[in-house]
Amino acid sequence: MSDTLEALRAGRLHGVQRLDLTQLGLRELPREVFALADTLEILDLGGNALEDLPADLPRLHRLRILFCTGNRFERMPEVLGRCPALEMVAFKSNRLREVPAAAIPPRLRWLILTDNQIEALPDTLGDCPRLEKLALAGNRLSTLPASLARCEQLALLRIAANRFETLPDFLLNLPRLAWLAFGGNPLTLDHEAASLQQTTLPQVPWGQLQIEALLGQGASGQIHRVRDTTGRSLALKVFKGELTSDGLPSSELAAWLQAGRHPRLIGVEARLSGHPEGAEGLLMPLIDPACRVLAAPPSLDSCSRDVYAPSLRLSPATLLRMAAGLAHALGQLHARGVAHGDLYAHNILHDGEGQVWLGDFGAASLLQALPPAQARRCSGWMCWPSAIC
């Protein structure tokens, strides 16, 4: 029994706002949780064996955020739709096949259904005017509810690695949609395969690399500083698995290869081979360690907006140099048929003097898979306010 669960059952957690009950093998929600109803806002039940939630869950009237990642749900519980304050729901990597209309909370702002078996979504999603972030990669979707056209706050959408033959037209009319990933679907697979076949990248065996340090990690993998047999230091991205929150590693690699070399892009020099766990990986140039990430990824509260350090100060001239460098890099991407899909400050390294480097193609998609009119719309999304302001 975890210390947290023991403390909960002993009544020692009175007044907490966040409760983590992860990796405990739970088959039902402990009833003692309801003693926290007047304060509990965040509940993490990830990595358990839950298949349902209690009918009186709305008693947790202050609950805003619920994580149920890595459980055994086959149907999203309808009781969620009656939780008055619930705005973020995560059911990543369950066994979900069905999302009932009644399961959608009216205040929904952020929904994570990545890595399930969902074939259809309810029209009630369109009744969520606050919906800002929707993660659906790795399901069996071939369409989206037309009601999503009413979700004018939707800023980030991940529909990679599903069964889309076409991209719904209404998506490109959403006024705030800035981060879209649609790779790994039937509409893109032929183009991705062609990009991968055309590559002449060398392969570097795992055994020839010395891992020196963890530099960072994101939705799709971890970045390590490594040294090869010549003594040269490189950056190695090791993918977390066959499917990430953004999509498939193969889609990322295809986009990265098609992007080509550019001084403001973190390019790819080689592919990893022989990883002991069979993981895919990419070797990239190592950016000067003095450079730093422009901002931290979004928080639970900021949802789709990066979090900037309060101490960050950049002059107007520096910002203009940064914007010009990024614009030039994006111009090359769009000319080569690549939509980055994740143009965020947390994917931008900078030196404080105006030099920038854009990386992480985990959400990138190939524009030539789209009809010309859709491709033009996608390539027009520059996202400057969200990326660097």
Protein backbone atom coordinates (compact mmCIF):
# COMPACT_ATOMS: atom_id res chain seq x y z
CA MET A 1 0.00 0.00 0.00
CA SER A 2 1.37 3.42 -0.96
CA ASP A 3 1.98 6.03 1.70
CA THR A 4 -0.57 8.27 -0.02
CA LEU A 5 -3.31 5.65 0.03
CA GLU A 6 -2.56 4.83 3.64
CA ALA A 7 -2.72 8.51 4.56
CA LEU A 8 -5.98 8.89 2.66
CA ARG A 9 -7.60 6.00 4.50
CA ALA A 10 -6.31 7.31 7.81
CA GLY A 11 -7.89 10.72 7.15
CA ARG A 12 -4.58 12.59 7.09
CA LEU A 13 -5.07 14.32 3.72
CA HIS A 14 -7.75 16.80 4.76
CA GLY A 15 -7.60 19.96 2.66
CA VAL A 16 -5.47 18.65 -0.25
CA GLN A 17 -6.13 20.00 -3.73
CA ARG A 18 -4.25 17.29 -5.63
CA LEU A 19 -4.32 13.54 -5.00
CA ASP A 20 -2.08 11.02 -6.81
CA LEU A 21 -3.24 7.40 -6.58
CA THR A 22 -1.16 5.95 -9.41
CA GLN A 23 0.22 2.45 -10.00
CA LEU A 24 -1.66 0.90 -7.07
CA GLY A 25 -3.64 -1.78 -8.88
CA LEU A 26 -6.91 -0.11 -7.89
CA ARG A 27 -10.10 -1.70 -9.26
CA GLU A 28 -12.39 0.95 -7.81
CA LEU A 29 -12.10 4.49 -6.51
CA PRO A 30 -11.45 4.46 -2.75
CA ARG A 31 -14.50 5.86 -1.00
CA GLU A 32 -12.29 7.92 1.29
CA VAL A 33 -11.65 10.26 -1.66
CA PHE A 34 -15.09 11.81 -1.12
CA ALA A 35 -13.97 13.18 2.24
CA LEU A 36 -11.88 15.62 0.18
CA ALA A 37 -14.83 16.92 -1.83
CA ASP A 38 -14.57 20.50 -0.60
CA THR A 39 -10.95 20.95 -1.72
CA LEU A 40 -9.94 18.29 -4.28
CA GLU A 41 -9.29 19.76 -7.75
CA ILE A 42 -6.83 17.32 -9.38
CA LEU A 43 -7.14 13.53 -9.19
CA ASP A 44 -4.61 11.21 -10.86
CA LEU A 45 -5.69 7.56 -11.11
CA GLY A 46 -3.22 6.53 -13.79
CA GLY A 47 -1.77 3.05 -14.10
CA ASN A 48 -4.45 1.18 -12.21
CA ALA A 49 -7.03 -1.48 -13.19
CA LEU A 50 -10.15 0.69 -13.22
CA GLU A 51 -13.01 -0.12 -15.58
CA ASP A 52 -15.60 2.35 -14.32
CA LEU A 53 -16.11 5.30 -11.96
CA PRO A 54 -18.71 5.60 -9.19
CA ALA A 55 -22.10 7.12 -9.94
CA ASP A 56 -21.65 9.70 -7.19
CA LEU A 57 -18.41 11.12 -8.62
CA PRO A 58 -20.10 14.56 -8.99
CA ARG A 59 -19.89 14.81 -5.21
CA LEU A 60 -16.32 15.94 -5.95
CA HIS A 61 -17.82 19.27 -6.90
CA ARG A 62 -14.47 21.09 -7.17
CA LEU A 63 -12.77 18.43 -9.33
CA ARG A 64 -11.28 20.17 -12.39
CA ILE A 65 -8.71 17.68 -13.69
CA LEU A 66 -8.97 13.89 -13.90
CA PHE A 67 -6.23 11.56 -15.14
CA CYS A 68 -7.22 7.96 -15.90
CA THR A 69 -4.29 7.07 -18.16
CA GLY A 70 -3.34 3.41 -18.48
CA ASN A 71 -6.42 1.79 -16.98
CA ARG A 72 -8.95 -0.68 -18.42
CA PHE A 73 -11.85 1.51 -19.44
CA GLU A 74 -13.70 0.34 -22.56
CA ARG A 75 -16.38 3.00 -22.31
CA MET A 76 -15.87 6.55 -21.13
CA PRO A 77 -18.02 6.87 -18.00
CA GLU A 78 -21.19 8.91 -18.49
CA VAL A 79 -20.92 10.22 -14.95
CA LEU A 80 -18.17 12.58 -16.14
CA GLY A 81 -20.79 14.65 -17.92
CA ARG A 82 -22.40 15.44 -14.56
CA CYS A 83 -19.22 16.69 -12.88
CA PRO A 84 -19.85 20.43 -12.54
CA ALA A 85 -16.27 21.74 -12.56
CA LEU A 86 -14.49 19.12 -14.68
CA GLU A 87 -12.49 20.75 -17.49
CA MET A 88 -9.58 18.37 -18.23
CA VAL A 89 -10.05 14.64 -18.79
CA ALA A 90 -7.33 12.15 -19.77
CA PHE A 91 -8.02 8.53 -20.78
CA LYS A 92 -4.82 7.89 -22.72
CA SER A 93 -3.86 4.24 -23.32
CA ASN A 94 -7.00 2.53 -22.13
CA ARG A 95 -9.26 0.20 -24.12
CA LEU A 96 -11.85 2.81 -25.04
CA ARG A 97 -14.19 1.90 -27.86
CA GLU A 98 -17.11 4.13 -26.97
CA VAL A 99 -17.45 7.78 -25.95
CA PRO A 100 -21.11 8.34 -25.01
CA ALA A 101 -22.65 11.74 -25.62
CA ALA A 102 -23.47 12.05 -21.94
CA ALA A 103 -19.82 11.53 -20.92
CA ILE A 104 -18.71 14.96 -22.17
CA PRO A 105 -18.46 17.55 -19.33
CA PRO A 106 -20.00 20.89 -20.34
CA ARG A 107 -16.95 22.85 -19.10
CA LEU A 108 -14.51 20.65 -21.04
CA ARG A 109 -11.35 22.48 -22.03
CA TRP A 110 -8.80 19.69 -22.59
CA LEU A 111 -9.57 16.09 -23.64
CA ILE A 112 -6.91 13.37 -24.06
CA LEU A 113 -8.07 10.13 -25.68
CA THR A 114 -4.75 9.11 -27.28
CA ASP A 115 -4.03 5.42 -27.93
CA ASN A 116 -7.43 3.78 -27.75
CA GLN A 117 -9.82 2.05 -30.17
CA ILE A 118 -12.37 4.82 -30.73
CA GLU A 119 -14.17 4.85 -34.07
CA ALA A 120 -16.57 7.75 -33.50
CA LEU A 121 -16.99 10.78 -31.25
CA PRO A 122 -20.28 12.30 -30.07
CA ASP A 123 -21.81 15.49 -31.42
CA THR A 124 -21.86 16.84 -27.87
CA LEU A 125 -18.21 17.84 -28.32
CA GLY A 126 -19.55 20.79 -30.24
CA ASP A 127 -21.44 21.89 -27.13
CA CYS A 128 -18.15 22.63 -25.34
CA PRO A 129 -17.41 26.29 -26.15
CA ARG A 130 -14.28 26.22 -23.93
CA LEU A 131 -12.69 23.23 -25.73
CA GLU A 132 -9.10 24.27 -26.45
CA LYS A 133 -7.04 21.07 -26.70
CA LEU A 134 -8.09 17.72 -28.19
CA ALA A 135 -5.67 14.76 -28.39
CA LEU A 136 -6.98 11.84 -30.48
CA ALA A 137 -3.85 10.25 -31.98
CA GLY A 138 -3.77 6.48 -32.26
CA ASN A 139 -7.44 5.62 -32.60
CA ARG A 140 -9.71 4.33 -35.39
CA LEU A 141 -11.36 7.59 -36.40
CA SER A 142 -12.14 8.32 -40.03
CA THR A 143 -14.37 11.33 -39.40
CA LEU A 144 -14.91 14.01 -36.77
CA PRO A 145 -18.28 15.32 -35.60
CA ALA A 146 -19.33 18.32 -37.67
CA SER A 147 -20.31 20.01 -34.43
CA LEU A 148 -16.61 20.67 -33.75
CA ALA A 149 -16.96 23.58 -36.18
CA ARG A 150 -18.62 25.40 -33.28
CA CYS A 151 -15.57 25.00 -31.02
CA GLU A 152 -14.01 28.31 -31.89
CA GLN A 153 -11.52 28.13 -28.99
CA LEU A 154 -9.96 24.89 -30.28
CA ALA A 155 -6.23 25.61 -30.64
CA LEU A 156 -4.55 22.19 -30.68
CA LEU A 157 -5.79 19.04 -32.41
CA ARG A 158 -3.98 15.71 -32.76
CA ILE A 159 -5.63 13.25 -35.17
CA ALA A 160 -2.47 11.46 -36.32
CA ALA A 161 -2.37 7.66 -36.70
CA ASN A 162 -6.08 7.19 -37.30
CA ARG A 163 -8.01 6.20 -40.45
CA PHE A 164 -8.62 9.54 -42.16
CA GLU A 165 -8.76 9.39 -45.95
CA THR A 166 -9.38 13.15 -46.12
CA LEU A 167 -9.00 16.11 -43.77
CA PRO A 168 -12.35 17.64 -42.75
CA ASP A 169 -12.68 21.04 -44.41
CA PHE A 170 -14.24 22.72 -41.40
CA LEU A 171 -11.02 22.30 -39.40
CA LEU A 172 -9.25 24.84 -41.54
CA ASN A 173 -11.92 27.42 -40.80
CA LEU A 174 -11.53 27.24 -37.02
CA PRO A 175 -10.27 30.71 -36.06
CA ARG A 176 -7.81 29.66 -33.31
CA LEU A 177 -6.56 26.29 -34.56
CA ALA A 178 -2.77 26.66 -34.60
CA TRP A 179 -1.32 23.21 -33.85
CA LEU A 180 -2.60 20.39 -36.04
CA ALA A 181 -1.08 16.90 -36.50
CA PHE A 182 -2.55 14.53 -39.10
CA GLY A 183 0.36 12.30 -40.16
CA GLY A 184 0.16 8.51 -40.10
CA ASN A 185 -3.30 8.38 -41.67
CA PRO A 186 -4.20 6.72 -45.00
CA LEU A 187 -4.17 10.16 -46.65
CA THR A 188 -0.45 10.62 -45.80
CA LEU A 189 1.04 7.11 -45.66
CA ASP A 190 2.14 6.89 -49.32
CA HIS A 191 3.87 10.27 -49.14
CA GLU A 192 5.59 9.35 -45.86
CA ALA A 193 6.81 6.06 -47.31
CA ALA A 194 8.22 7.87 -50.34
CA SER A 195 10.08 10.32 -48.11
CA LEU A 196 11.59 7.49 -46.07
CA GLN A 197 12.63 5.54 -49.15
CA GLN A 198 14.46 8.51 -50.62
CA THR A 199 16.69 9.04 -47.63
CA THR A 200 20.40 8.30 -47.70
CA LEU A 201 20.88 8.76 -43.96
CA PRO A 202 23.53 6.51 -42.42
CA GLN A 203 22.72 4.28 -39.46
CA VAL A 204 24.70 4.37 -36.24
CA PRO A 205 24.59 1.32 -33.93
CA TRP A 206 23.62 1.86 -30.30
CA GLY A 207 26.80 0.16 -29.19
CA GLN A 208 28.92 2.86 -30.82
CA LEU A 209 27.39 5.63 -28.71
CA GLN A 210 28.22 6.72 -25.17
CA ILE A 211 25.25 8.25 -23.33
CA GLU A 212 26.44 11.34 -21.43
CA ALA A 213 23.37 13.21 -20.20
CA LEU A 214 19.62 13.65 -20.57
CA LEU A 215 19.01 17.00 -22.25
CA GLY A 216 15.22 17.00 -22.25
CA GLN A 217 12.09 15.12 -23.17
CA GLY A 218 8.75 15.70 -24.80
CA ALA A 219 5.65 13.89 -25.96
CA SER A 220 7.46 11.67 -28.43
CA GLY A 221 10.81 10.90 -26.84
CA GLN A 222 13.88 11.76 -24.83
CA ILE A 223 16.88 13.78 -26.01
CA HIS A 224 20.32 12.67 -24.79
CA ARG A 225 23.79 14.08 -25.28
CA VAL A 226 25.94 11.28 -26.68
CA ARG A 227 29.48 10.80 -27.93
CA ASP A 228 30.29 8.66 -30.96
CA THR A 229 33.43 6.62 -31.66
CA THR A 230 35.20 9.66 -33.16
CA GLY A 231 34.71 11.62 -29.94
CA ARG A 232 32.13 13.94 -31.48
CA SER A 233 29.21 15.02 -29.28
CA LEU A 234 25.71 14.72 -30.75
CA ALA A 235 22.10 14.87 -29.65
CA LEU A 236 20.19 11.58 -29.75
CA LYS A 237 16.40 11.44 -29.77
CA VAL A 238 15.08 8.07 -28.64
CA PHE A 239 11.37 7.59 -29.29
CA LYS A 240 9.24 6.42 -26.39
CA GLY A 241 7.33 3.80 -28.36
CA GLU A 242 5.44 2.95 -31.52
CA LEU A 243 2.87 5.66 -30.80
CA THR A 244 3.32 9.00 -29.11
CA SER A 245 0.89 11.74 -28.14
CA ASP A 246 1.71 13.42 -31.46
CA GLY A 247 1.63 10.37 -33.74
CA LEU A 248 4.02 7.81 -35.20
CA PRO A 249 7.84 7.98 -35.12
CA SER A 250 7.90 7.05 -38.81
CA SER A 251 5.75 10.08 -39.65
CA GLU A 252 8.06 12.33 -37.67
CA LEU A 253 11.12 10.95 -39.42
CA ALA A 254 9.52 11.33 -42.85
CA ALA A 255 8.73 14.99 -42.18
CA TRP A 256 12.16 15.68 -40.67
CA LEU A 257 13.87 14.20 -43.74
CA GLN A 258 11.70 16.13 -46.17
CA ALA A 259 12.38 19.37 -44.31
CA GLY A 260 16.00 19.38 -45.48
CA ARG A 261 18.87 21.32 -43.97
CA HIS A 262 18.51 24.90 -42.82
CA PRO A 263 20.62 26.93 -40.36
CA ARG A 264 17.58 27.60 -38.19
CA LEU A 265 16.34 23.99 -38.15
CA ILE A 266 17.78 21.23 -35.99
CA GLY A 267 18.50 18.71 -38.74
CA VAL A 268 18.99 14.94 -38.74
CA GLU A 269 22.40 13.35 -39.37
CA ALA A 270 21.77 9.64 -38.86
CA ARG A 271 19.29 7.01 -37.69
CA LEU A 272 19.85 4.87 -34.65
CA SER A 273 20.06 1.10 -35.01
CA GLY A 274 20.38 -1.77 -32.57
CA HIS A 275 18.68 -0.18 -29.56
CA PRO A 276 18.41 -2.87 -26.85
CA GLU A 277 14.64 -2.37 -26.62
CA GLY A 278 14.13 -1.94 -30.35
CA ALA A 279 13.39 1.79 -30.05
CA GLU A 280 13.73 4.13 -33.01
CA GLY A 281 16.14 7.04 -32.72
CA LEU A 282 17.63 10.00 -34.56
CA LEU A 283 21.05 11.63 -34.25
CA MET A 284 21.21 15.41 -34.57
CA PRO A 285 23.83 18.12 -34.21
CA LEU A 286 24.39 19.25 -30.65
CA ILE A 287 23.38 22.86 -30.18
CA ASP A 288 25.64 24.96 -27.96
CA PRO A 289 24.76 24.06 -24.35
CA ALA A 290 24.65 27.78 -23.55
CA CYS A 291 21.46 28.01 -25.63
CA ARG A 292 18.19 27.51 -23.84
CA VAL A 293 14.57 26.71 -24.52
CA LEU A 294 12.48 29.82 -25.08
CA ALA A 295 9.70 28.68 -22.73
CA ALA A 296 8.36 25.71 -20.80
CA PRO A 297 5.52 23.59 -22.22
CA PRO A 298 1.92 24.42 -21.33
CA SER A 299 0.82 23.77 -17.76
CA LEU A 300 -2.45 22.27 -16.57
CA ASP A 301 -3.78 25.78 -16.10
CA SER A 302 -2.41 27.38 -19.27
CA CYS A 303 -3.69 24.44 -21.38
CA SER A 304 -2.46 25.34 -24.88
CA ARG A 305 -0.15 28.24 -23.99
CA ASP A 306 3.53 27.92 -23.16
CA VAL A 307 4.80 29.13 -19.81
CA TYR A 308 7.50 31.81 -19.95
CA ALA A 309 9.92 32.47 -17.14
CA PRO A 310 8.99 35.70 -15.32
CA SER A 311 12.61 36.78 -15.58
CA LEU A 312 12.81 36.45 -19.39
CA ARG A 313 13.67 39.74 -21.04
CA LEU A 314 14.30 40.14 -24.79
CA SER A 315 14.77 43.39 -26.63
CA PRO A 316 12.59 44.28 -29.64
CA ALA A 317 15.63 43.93 -31.91
CA THR A 318 16.35 40.45 -30.57
CA LEU A 319 12.75 39.40 -31.06
CA LEU A 320 12.78 40.65 -34.63
CA ARG A 321 15.92 38.61 -35.39
CA MET A 322 14.30 35.56 -33.86
CA ALA A 323 11.10 36.05 -35.86
CA ALA A 324 13.04 36.56 -39.09
CA GLY A 325 15.05 33.37 -38.56
CA LEU A 326 11.95 31.33 -37.80
CA ALA A 327 10.07 32.82 -40.76
CA HIS A 328 12.92 31.84 -43.09
CA ALA A 329 12.96 28.30 -41.71
CA LEU A 330 9.17 27.98 -42.00
CA GLY A 331 9.34 29.28 -45.54
CA GLN A 332 11.62 26.37 -46.42
CA LEU A 333 9.36 23.88 -44.63
CA HIS A 334 6.27 25.03 -46.48
CA ALA A 335 8.12 25.15 -49.81
CA ARG A 336 9.14 21.53 -49.23
CA GLY A 337 5.62 20.50 -48.26
CA VAL A 338 5.99 20.20 -44.49
CA ALA A 339 3.67 21.64 -41.82
CA HIS A 340 5.54 21.68 -38.51
CA GLY A 341 2.35 21.34 -36.47
CA ASP A 342 4.00 22.24 -33.17
CA LEU A 343 5.49 25.71 -33.58
CA TYR A 344 5.85 26.43 -29.89
CA ALA A 345 8.37 28.31 -27.81
CA HIS A 346 9.18 25.08 -25.95
CA ASN A 347 10.43 23.66 -29.28
CA ILE A 348 12.65 26.68 -29.95
CA LEU A 349 16.21 27.03 -28.67
CA HIS A 350 17.75 30.51 -28.57
CA ASP A 351 21.03 32.13 -27.59
CA GLY A 352 19.57 35.32 -26.10
CA GLU A 353 20.97 37.39 -28.97
CA GLY A 354 18.44 36.55 -31.67
CA GLN A 355 19.70 33.24 -33.03
CA VAL A 356 17.10 30.47 -32.89
CA TRP A 357 16.81 26.78 -33.75
CA LEU A 358 13.48 25.02 -34.32
CA GLY A 359 13.23 21.30 -33.56
CA ASP A 360 10.81 18.49 -32.66
CA PHE A 361 8.92 17.32 -35.74
CA GLY A 362 6.74 14.94 -33.74
CA ALA A 363 3.52 16.64 -34.88
CA ALA A 364 4.70 17.47 -38.41
CA SER A 365 2.62 16.47 -41.43
CA LEU A 366 3.23 16.34 -45.17
CA LEU A 367 1.22 18.98 -47.00
CA GLN A 368 1.36 17.28 -50.40
CA ALA A 369 -1.08 14.72 -49.03
CA LEU A 370 -3.77 17.43 -48.99
CA PRO A 371 -5.73 19.03 -51.82
CA PRO A 372 -4.03 22.26 -52.94
CA ALA A 373 -6.55 24.55 -51.23
CA GLN A 374 -6.15 22.77 -47.89
CA ALA A 375 -2.37 22.71 -48.23
CA ARG A 376 -2.31 26.47 -48.76
CA ARG A 377 -4.43 27.02 -45.67
CA CYS A 378 -2.19 24.82 -43.53
CA SER A 379 1.00 26.46 -44.74
CA GLY A 380 -0.45 29.85 -43.90
CA TRP A 381 -0.59 29.11 -40.16
CA MET A 382 2.44 30.91 -38.76
CA CYS A 383 1.30 31.02 -35.10
CA TRP A 384 3.53 33.97 -34.16
CA PRO A 385 1.51 35.14 -31.14
CA SER A 386 1.53 31.66 -29.61
CA ALA A 387 5.11 30.80 -30.50
CA ILE A 388 7.15 33.80 -29.43
CA CYS A 389 4.97 36.46 -27.83
